[in-house]
Amino acid sequence: IGGKDGTSAYIVDHVVDEVDEESEEVVVTSLDGCDINLKVGSENIFRTKIANQQTVNVYDILKHEKVIISLSALKQLEQRYGDI
């Protein structure tokens, strides 16, 4: 994945920030609905796109050679498009 001659990748993720029940503070683990570490770690990989499951579209899926979907994103997509 990535590189000048490598394949393109489309990574779909879904992360919800958690609320600490004791201190009632929000524990930030996501950026635009994607895991922070995944987003930062893949920024410099050429031909790789990271997206939240809410912004997934058919064009991006067909455009990229590899599609990687996290389990939580897949469950959200099934809920949203399950009846279609």
Protein backbone atom coordinates (compact mmCIF):
# COMPACT_ATOMS: atom_id res chain seq x y z
CA ILE A 1 0.00 0.00 0.00
CA GLY A 2 1.26 3.46 -0.84
CA GLY A 3 4.50 4.43 -2.46
CA LYS A 4 5.12 5.65 -5.98
CA ASP A 5 4.27 2.32 -7.60
CA GLY A 6 2.19 0.82 -4.79
CA THR A 7 -1.54 0.25 -4.70
CA SER A 8 -4.01 2.84 -3.51
CA ALA A 9 -5.92 2.21 -0.29
CA TYR A 10 -9.18 3.52 1.12
CA ILE A 11 -9.45 3.01 4.89
CA VAL A 12 -12.86 3.40 6.55
CA ASP A 13 -13.06 3.78 10.32
CA HIS A 14 -15.63 4.65 12.97
CA VAL A 15 -14.63 5.82 16.45
CA VAL A 16 -16.79 7.56 19.02
CA ASP A 17 -15.16 9.61 21.78
CA GLU A 18 -15.83 8.13 25.21
CA VAL A 19 -17.02 9.94 28.35
CA ASP A 20 -15.28 9.09 31.62
CA GLU A 21 -18.14 8.39 34.05
CA GLU A 22 -16.24 9.41 37.20
CA SER A 23 -14.89 12.78 36.06
CA GLU A 24 -17.48 13.31 33.28
CA GLU A 25 -14.69 14.37 30.92
CA VAL A 26 -14.60 13.42 27.26
CA VAL A 27 -11.69 11.12 26.38
CA VAL A 28 -10.67 12.17 22.87
CA THR A 29 -9.61 9.17 20.81
CA SER A 30 -10.81 10.29 17.39
CA LEU A 31 -10.31 13.00 14.81
CA ASP A 32 -13.20 13.46 12.37
CA GLY A 33 -14.60 10.09 13.48
CA CYS A 34 -11.38 8.19 12.75
CA ASP A 35 -8.82 6.87 15.23
CA ILE A 36 -6.17 9.54 15.91
CA ASN A 37 -3.25 7.10 15.69
CA LEU A 38 -4.53 5.71 12.37
CA LYS A 39 -5.01 9.19 10.93
CA VAL A 40 -1.59 10.49 12.01
CA GLY A 41 0.23 7.27 11.13
CA SER A 42 -1.12 7.17 7.59
CA GLU A 43 -0.79 10.88 6.69
CA ASN A 44 2.54 10.41 4.91
CA ILE A 45 1.62 7.21 3.07
CA PHE A 46 1.20 8.10 -0.59
CA ARG A 47 -2.13 7.17 -2.26
CA THR A 48 -3.95 6.40 0.99
CA LYS A 49 -7.22 7.99 2.05
CA ILE A 50 -8.76 7.72 5.53
CA ALA A 51 -12.47 8.40 5.92
CA ASN A 52 -15.22 8.17 8.49
CA GLN A 53 -17.99 5.69 7.70
CA GLN A 54 -20.44 8.61 7.27
CA THR A 55 -18.52 9.94 4.27
CA VAL A 56 -18.17 6.64 2.38
CA ASN A 57 -19.32 6.73 -1.23
CA VAL A 58 -19.31 4.30 -4.13
CA TYR A 59 -16.87 6.36 -6.20
CA ASP A 60 -14.12 6.21 -3.55
CA ILE A 61 -14.64 2.49 -3.00
CA LEU A 62 -14.33 1.71 -6.72
CA LYS A 63 -11.47 4.17 -7.28
CA HIS A 64 -9.05 2.54 -4.82
CA GLU A 65 -7.46 -0.86 -5.33
CA LYS A 66 -7.67 -1.84 -1.64
CA VAL A 67 -10.52 -1.11 0.77
CA ILE A 68 -9.96 -1.63 4.49
CA ILE A 69 -13.00 -1.29 6.76
CA SER A 70 -12.85 -1.53 10.54
CA LEU A 71 -15.39 -3.77 12.25
CA SER A 72 -17.12 -0.84 13.96
CA ALA A 73 -17.44 1.01 10.63
CA LEU A 74 -18.84 -2.11 8.97
CA LYS A 75 -21.49 -2.46 11.69
CA GLN A 76 -22.51 1.19 11.24
CA LEU A 77 -22.72 0.77 7.46
CA GLU A 78 -24.86 -2.36 7.90
CA GLN A 79 -27.23 -0.44 10.17
CA ARG A 80 -27.49 2.45 7.73
CA TYR A 81 -27.85 0.43 4.51
CA GLY A 82 -29.18 -2.87 5.86
CA ASP A 83 -32.68 -2.47 4.40
CA ILE A 84 -31.58 -1.48 0.91
